[in-house]
């Protein structure tokens, strides 16, 4: 069979449907395992909080708290005005610099207009 554009398009669409089908099957198969993992994470995080510690070690591995920080711009106009007014050009990347934003907030104890900083404590588990 010759691989004309029409044949390639047809085959591509068939394969894309098959990939979507497999992805959905994997989501369904993984769901119960992911649910139990979330419950274990919640239990471990609760244990760490109750114990007033940041980590716990066992023969199989270590569970520890880790802070994940997200810095997002909610209002570019306000943020850009702030950058211009304070000459904080180091904040500009293709996004607002997380490091730069955290440094400014730490220094000034004031939020940066138009920027939301979110920090979430998450549980990480690594094998020994």
N, C-alpha and C. Protein backbone atom coordinates (compact mmCIF):
# COMPACT_ATOMS: atom_id res chain seq x y z
N UNK A 1 0.85 -1.18 0.00
CA UNK A 1 0.00 0.00 0.00
C UNK A 1 0.89 1.25 0.00
N UNK A 2 0.57 2.16 -0.88
CA UNK A 2 1.33 3.40 -0.98
C UNK A 2 0.94 4.33 0.16
N UNK A 3 1.94 5.01 0.75
CA UNK A 3 1.69 5.92 1.87
C UNK A 3 1.42 7.32 1.33
N UNK A 4 0.22 7.49 0.80
CA UNK A 4 -0.19 8.80 0.33
C UNK A 4 -0.56 9.66 1.54
N UNK A 5 -0.66 10.96 1.38
CA UNK A 5 -1.09 11.79 2.50
C UNK A 5 -2.42 11.33 3.10
N UNK A 6 -3.35 10.90 2.26
CA UNK A 6 -4.64 10.44 2.76
C UNK A 6 -4.48 9.20 3.64
N UNK A 7 -3.64 8.26 3.22
CA UNK A 7 -3.39 7.05 3.99
C UNK A 7 -2.68 7.40 5.30
N UNK A 8 -1.68 8.28 5.21
CA UNK A 8 -0.95 8.67 6.43
C UNK A 8 -1.86 9.37 7.43
N UNK A 9 -2.74 10.22 6.93
CA UNK A 9 -3.68 10.91 7.83
C UNK A 9 -4.60 9.90 8.50
N UNK A 10 -5.12 8.97 7.71
CA UNK A 10 -6.01 7.94 8.26
C UNK A 10 -5.29 7.11 9.32
N UNK A 11 -4.08 6.67 9.02
CA UNK A 11 -3.30 5.86 9.97
C UNK A 11 -2.98 6.68 11.22
N UNK A 12 -2.59 7.94 11.02
CA UNK A 12 -2.26 8.80 12.15
C UNK A 12 -3.46 8.93 13.09
N UNK A 13 -4.64 9.17 12.53
CA UNK A 13 -5.84 9.32 13.35
C UNK A 13 -6.19 8.02 14.07
N UNK A 14 -6.00 6.89 13.40
CA UNK A 14 -6.23 5.59 14.05
C UNK A 14 -5.29 5.42 15.23
N UNK A 15 -4.02 5.74 15.02
CA UNK A 15 -3.03 5.61 16.09
C UNK A 15 -3.32 6.57 17.23
N UNK A 16 -3.73 7.78 16.91
CA UNK A 16 -4.04 8.74 17.96
C UNK A 16 -5.21 8.25 18.81
N UNK A 17 -6.22 7.67 18.16
CA UNK A 17 -7.36 7.12 18.92
C UNK A 17 -6.90 5.96 19.80
N UNK A 18 -6.00 5.13 19.28
CA UNK A 18 -5.48 4.00 20.06
C UNK A 18 -4.66 4.50 21.25
N UNK A 19 -3.83 5.51 21.05
CA UNK A 19 -3.05 6.10 22.14
C UNK A 19 -3.99 6.66 23.21
N UNK A 20 -5.03 7.38 22.80
CA UNK A 20 -6.00 7.92 23.75
C UNK A 20 -6.69 6.80 24.54
N UNK A 21 -7.01 5.73 23.85
CA UNK A 21 -7.65 4.57 24.48
C UNK A 21 -6.72 3.96 25.55
N UNK A 22 -5.45 3.80 25.20
CA UNK A 22 -4.47 3.23 26.13
C UNK A 22 -4.28 4.16 27.33
N UNK A 23 -4.18 5.47 27.07
CA UNK A 23 -4.03 6.44 28.17
C UNK A 23 -5.20 6.33 29.14
N UNK A 24 -6.40 6.24 28.61
CA UNK A 24 -7.60 6.15 29.45
C UNK A 24 -7.59 4.85 30.25
N UNK A 25 -7.18 3.77 29.61
CA UNK A 25 -7.09 2.47 30.29
C UNK A 25 -6.08 2.56 31.44
N UNK A 26 -4.94 3.19 31.18
CA UNK A 26 -3.91 3.32 32.21
C UNK A 26 -4.40 4.18 33.37
N UNK A 27 -5.13 5.27 33.06
CA UNK A 27 -5.71 6.12 34.11
C UNK A 27 -6.60 5.29 35.01
N UNK A 28 -7.44 4.47 34.40
CA UNK A 28 -8.37 3.64 35.15
C UNK A 28 -7.62 2.60 35.99
N UNK A 29 -6.60 1.99 35.40
CA UNK A 29 -5.82 0.98 36.12
C UNK A 29 -5.02 1.59 37.27
N UNK A 30 -4.50 2.80 37.08
CA UNK A 30 -3.67 3.45 38.09
C UNK A 30 -4.49 4.07 39.23
N UNK A 31 -5.73 4.42 38.98
CA UNK A 31 -6.55 5.15 39.94
C UNK A 31 -6.55 4.55 41.35
N UNK A 32 -6.79 3.25 41.52
CA UNK A 32 -6.82 2.72 42.89
C UNK A 32 -5.46 2.80 43.58
N UNK A 33 -4.39 2.63 42.83
CA UNK A 33 -3.04 2.69 43.42
C UNK A 33 -2.72 4.13 43.83
N UNK A 34 -3.06 5.08 42.96
CA UNK A 34 -2.80 6.48 43.27
C UNK A 34 -3.61 6.93 44.48
N UNK A 35 -4.83 6.43 44.60
CA UNK A 35 -5.68 6.79 45.74
C UNK A 35 -5.05 6.31 47.04
N UNK A 36 -4.57 5.08 47.07
CA UNK A 36 -3.94 4.55 48.29
C UNK A 36 -2.64 5.30 48.57
N UNK A 37 -1.87 5.64 47.53
CA UNK A 37 -0.65 6.41 47.75
C UNK A 37 -0.96 7.77 48.37
N UNK A 38 -2.04 8.43 47.90
CA UNK A 38 -2.45 9.71 48.48
C UNK A 38 -2.82 9.54 49.95
N UNK A 39 -3.52 8.45 50.27
CA UNK A 39 -3.90 8.19 51.66
C UNK A 39 -2.65 7.96 52.52
N UNK A 40 -1.67 7.22 51.99
CA UNK A 40 -0.43 6.99 52.72
C UNK A 40 0.34 8.30 52.92
N UNK A 41 0.38 9.13 51.88
CA UNK A 41 1.04 10.43 52.00
C UNK A 41 0.37 11.27 53.09
N UNK A 42 -0.96 11.29 53.09
CA UNK A 42 -1.69 12.06 54.10
C UNK A 42 -1.40 11.52 55.49
N UNK A 43 -1.36 10.19 55.63
CA UNK A 43 -1.06 9.57 56.92
C UNK A 43 0.35 9.89 57.39
N UNK A 44 1.31 9.82 56.48
CA UNK A 44 2.70 10.15 56.83
C UNK A 44 2.85 11.62 57.19
N UNK A 45 2.19 12.49 56.42
CA UNK A 45 2.27 13.92 56.71
C UNK A 45 1.63 14.22 58.07
N UNK A 46 0.52 13.58 58.35
CA UNK A 46 -0.13 13.75 59.65
C UNK A 46 0.80 13.27 60.77
N UNK A 47 1.45 12.13 60.57
CA UNK A 47 2.41 11.60 61.56
C UNK A 47 3.53 12.61 61.82
N UNK A 48 4.09 13.17 60.72
CA UNK A 48 5.17 14.13 60.88
C UNK A 48 4.70 15.38 61.62
N UNK A 49 3.50 15.85 61.28
CA UNK A 49 2.95 17.03 61.96
C UNK A 49 2.69 16.76 63.43
N UNK A 50 2.11 15.60 63.74
CA UNK A 50 1.83 15.23 65.13
C UNK A 50 3.12 15.10 65.93
N UNK A 51 4.16 14.58 65.29
CA UNK A 51 5.44 14.37 65.97
C UNK A 51 6.27 15.66 66.02
N UNK A 52 5.84 16.68 65.28
CA UNK A 52 6.57 17.94 65.26
C UNK A 52 7.93 17.81 64.59
N UNK A 53 8.01 16.96 63.59
CA UNK A 53 9.28 16.74 62.90
C UNK A 53 9.09 16.89 61.40
N UNK A 54 10.19 17.03 60.69
CA UNK A 54 10.13 17.20 59.24
C UNK A 54 10.42 15.92 58.47
N UNK A 55 10.88 14.88 59.16
CA UNK A 55 11.18 13.64 58.45
C UNK A 55 11.12 12.45 59.40
N UNK A 56 10.98 11.30 58.81
CA UNK A 56 11.03 10.05 59.57
C UNK A 56 11.71 9.01 58.69
N UNK A 57 12.55 8.20 59.31
CA UNK A 57 13.33 7.21 58.57
C UNK A 57 12.90 5.81 58.98
N UNK A 58 12.85 4.94 58.01
CA UNK A 58 12.57 3.53 58.25
C UNK A 58 13.55 2.73 57.40
N UNK A 59 13.59 1.43 57.61
CA UNK A 59 14.51 0.58 56.86
C UNK A 59 14.31 0.75 55.34
N UNK A 60 13.06 0.86 54.91
CA UNK A 60 12.75 0.94 53.48
C UNK A 60 13.06 2.30 52.87
N UNK A 61 13.07 3.36 53.68
CA UNK A 61 13.31 4.68 53.11
C UNK A 61 13.00 5.78 54.10
N UNK A 62 12.91 7.00 53.60
CA UNK A 62 12.67 8.18 54.41
C UNK A 62 11.49 8.95 53.86
N UNK A 63 10.61 9.39 54.73
CA UNK A 63 9.52 10.29 54.36
C UNK A 63 9.88 11.66 54.92
N UNK A 64 9.77 12.70 54.11
CA UNK A 64 10.14 14.02 54.59
C UNK A 64 9.26 15.08 53.95
N UNK A 65 9.11 16.20 54.69
CA UNK A 65 8.35 17.33 54.17
C UNK A 65 9.26 18.15 53.27
N UNK A 66 8.66 18.73 52.25
CA UNK A 66 9.38 19.57 51.33
C UNK A 66 8.45 20.71 50.93
N UNK A 67 8.94 21.94 50.91
CA UNK A 67 8.12 23.08 50.51
C UNK A 67 8.28 23.32 49.02
N UNK A 68 7.16 23.34 48.32
CA UNK A 68 7.14 23.62 46.89
C UNK A 68 6.57 25.02 46.72
N UNK A 69 7.30 25.89 46.04
CA UNK A 69 6.89 27.29 45.88
C UNK A 69 6.49 27.55 44.45
N UNK A 70 5.38 28.27 44.29
CA UNK A 70 4.90 28.68 42.98
C UNK A 70 4.71 30.18 43.00
N UNK A 71 5.26 30.88 42.02
CA UNK A 71 5.10 32.33 41.89
C UNK A 71 4.45 32.59 40.54
N UNK A 72 3.23 33.15 40.54
CA UNK A 72 2.52 33.41 39.30
C UNK A 72 2.05 34.86 39.27
N UNK A 73 2.03 35.44 38.09
CA UNK A 73 1.54 36.79 37.92
C UNK A 73 0.05 36.74 37.67
N UNK A 74 -0.70 37.50 38.44
CA UNK A 74 -2.14 37.55 38.24
C UNK A 74 -2.56 38.80 37.48
N UNK A 75 -1.74 39.85 37.52
CA UNK A 75 -2.07 41.09 36.85
C UNK A 75 -0.78 41.70 36.31
N UNK A 76 -0.47 41.42 35.02
CA UNK A 76 0.79 41.87 34.43
C UNK A 76 0.95 43.38 34.47
N UNK A 77 -0.13 44.10 34.27
CA UNK A 77 -0.03 45.57 34.26
C UNK A 77 0.48 46.08 35.60
N UNK A 78 -0.07 45.59 36.69
CA UNK A 78 0.37 46.01 38.03
C UNK A 78 1.81 45.57 38.29
N UNK A 79 2.12 44.35 37.91
CA UNK A 79 3.47 43.84 38.13
C UNK A 79 4.48 44.65 37.33
N UNK A 80 4.17 44.94 36.08
CA UNK A 80 5.09 45.71 35.25
C UNK A 80 5.27 47.13 35.79
N UNK A 81 4.19 47.73 36.28
CA UNK A 81 4.30 49.05 36.91
C UNK A 81 5.25 48.98 38.10
N UNK A 82 5.11 47.95 38.92
CA UNK A 82 5.99 47.77 40.07
C UNK A 82 7.45 47.62 39.63
N UNK A 83 7.68 46.80 38.62
CA UNK A 83 9.04 46.57 38.12
C UNK A 83 9.65 47.88 37.64
N UNK A 84 8.87 48.67 36.91
CA UNK A 84 9.37 49.96 36.40
C UNK A 84 9.65 50.93 37.55
N UNK A 85 8.70 51.04 38.49
CA UNK A 85 8.83 51.99 39.61
C UNK A 85 10.02 51.66 40.51
N UNK A 86 10.30 50.39 40.71
CA UNK A 86 11.36 49.99 41.64
C UNK A 86 12.64 49.56 40.92
N UNK A 87 12.62 49.67 39.60
CA UNK A 87 13.77 49.28 38.79
C UNK A 87 14.19 47.83 39.07
N UNK A 88 13.20 46.96 39.23
CA UNK A 88 13.44 45.55 39.55
C UNK A 88 13.41 44.69 38.29
N UNK A 89 14.22 45.04 37.31
CA UNK A 89 14.21 44.36 36.02
C UNK A 89 14.68 42.91 36.14
N UNK A 90 15.37 42.58 37.23
CA UNK A 90 15.81 41.20 37.43
C UNK A 90 14.64 40.25 37.64
N UNK A 91 13.45 40.80 37.89
CA UNK A 91 12.25 39.95 38.01
C UNK A 91 11.80 39.40 36.67
N UNK A 92 12.14 40.09 35.60
CA UNK A 92 11.63 39.70 34.29
C UNK A 92 12.39 38.54 33.68
N UNK A 93 11.66 37.54 33.34
CA UNK A 93 12.10 36.42 32.52
C UNK A 93 10.93 36.20 31.58
N UNK A 94 10.75 35.00 31.12
CA UNK A 94 9.53 34.70 30.39
C UNK A 94 8.39 34.58 31.40
N UNK A 95 8.77 34.67 32.65
CA UNK A 95 7.86 34.63 33.79
C UNK A 95 8.51 35.46 34.88
N UNK A 96 7.82 35.68 35.97
CA UNK A 96 8.44 36.38 37.10
C UNK A 96 9.39 35.40 37.79
N UNK A 97 10.57 35.86 38.11
CA UNK A 97 11.57 35.03 38.76
C UNK A 97 11.12 34.66 40.16
N UNK A 98 11.00 33.36 40.42
CA UNK A 98 10.61 32.90 41.75
C UNK A 98 11.62 33.37 42.79
N UNK A 99 12.89 33.20 42.50
CA UNK A 99 13.94 33.58 43.44
C UNK A 99 13.91 35.08 43.71
N UNK A 100 13.83 35.87 42.64
CA UNK A 100 13.79 37.33 42.78
C UNK A 100 12.58 37.79 43.57
N UNK A 101 11.43 37.20 43.27
CA UNK A 101 10.19 37.58 43.97
C UNK A 101 10.29 37.25 45.45
N UNK A 102 10.80 36.07 45.78
CA UNK A 102 10.92 35.68 47.18
C UNK A 102 11.89 36.60 47.92
N UNK A 103 12.98 36.99 47.25
CA UNK A 103 13.96 37.90 47.86
C UNK A 103 13.33 39.26 48.15
N UNK A 104 12.57 39.80 47.21
CA UNK A 104 11.95 41.12 47.39
C UNK A 104 10.93 41.07 48.52
N UNK A 105 10.09 40.04 48.53
CA UNK A 105 9.08 39.92 49.58
C UNK A 105 9.75 39.76 50.94
N UNK A 106 10.82 38.99 50.98
CA UNK A 106 11.54 38.81 52.24
C UNK A 106 12.16 40.14 52.70
N UNK A 107 12.73 40.90 51.77
CA UNK A 107 13.35 42.19 52.10
C UNK A 107 12.32 43.23 52.54
N UNK A 108 11.26 43.38 51.75
CA UNK A 108 10.31 44.47 51.98
C UNK A 108 9.17 44.10 52.91
N UNK A 109 8.96 42.79 53.11
CA UNK A 109 7.83 42.29 53.89
C UNK A 109 6.49 42.74 53.29
N UNK A 110 6.51 43.07 52.01
CA UNK A 110 5.32 43.51 51.28
C UNK A 110 5.13 42.63 50.05
N UNK A 111 3.87 42.36 49.68
CA UNK A 111 3.65 41.58 48.45
C UNK A 111 4.00 42.41 47.22
N UNK A 112 4.32 41.75 46.15
CA UNK A 112 4.56 42.41 44.87
C UNK A 112 3.22 42.54 44.17
N UNK A 113 2.82 43.74 43.78
CA UNK A 113 1.52 43.92 43.13
C UNK A 113 1.36 43.01 41.92
N UNK A 114 0.24 42.31 41.87
CA UNK A 114 -0.08 41.46 40.73
C UNK A 114 0.56 40.09 40.76
N UNK A 115 1.31 39.77 41.81
CA UNK A 115 1.99 38.48 41.89
C UNK A 115 1.46 37.70 43.08
N UNK A 116 1.16 36.43 42.87
CA UNK A 116 0.72 35.56 43.95
C UNK A 116 1.83 34.55 44.21
N UNK A 117 2.22 34.42 45.46
CA UNK A 117 3.22 33.43 45.86
C UNK A 117 2.50 32.37 46.66
N UNK A 118 2.62 31.14 46.22
CA UNK A 118 1.98 30.02 46.89
C UNK A 118 3.05 29.04 47.33
N UNK A 119 3.01 28.65 48.58
CA UNK A 119 3.92 27.62 49.08
C UNK A 119 3.07 26.50 49.66
N UNK A 120 3.38 25.29 49.26
CA UNK A 120 2.64 24.12 49.71
C UNK A 120 3.65 23.13 50.26
N UNK A 121 3.37 22.60 51.42
CA UNK A 121 4.23 21.56 51.97
C UNK A 121 3.75 20.23 51.42
N UNK A 122 4.66 19.50 50.80
CA UNK A 122 4.33 18.21 50.21
C UNK A 122 5.20 17.14 50.86
N UNK A 123 4.77 15.95 50.75
CA UNK A 123 5.53 14.83 51.30
C UNK A 123 6.30 14.17 50.18
N UNK A 124 7.56 13.88 50.42
CA UNK A 124 8.39 13.17 49.47
C UNK A 124 8.85 11.87 50.12
N UNK A 125 8.99 10.83 49.36
CA UNK A 125 9.49 9.56 49.88
C UNK A 125 10.59 9.10 48.94
N UNK A 126 11.74 8.76 49.51
CA UNK A 126 12.83 8.25 48.67
C UNK A 126 13.29 6.91 49.24
N UNK A 127 13.75 6.06 48.38
CA UNK A 127 14.23 4.75 48.80
C UNK A 127 15.61 4.89 49.42
N UNK A 128 15.93 3.99 50.31
CA UNK A 128 17.25 3.99 50.95
C UNK A 128 18.32 3.54 50.00
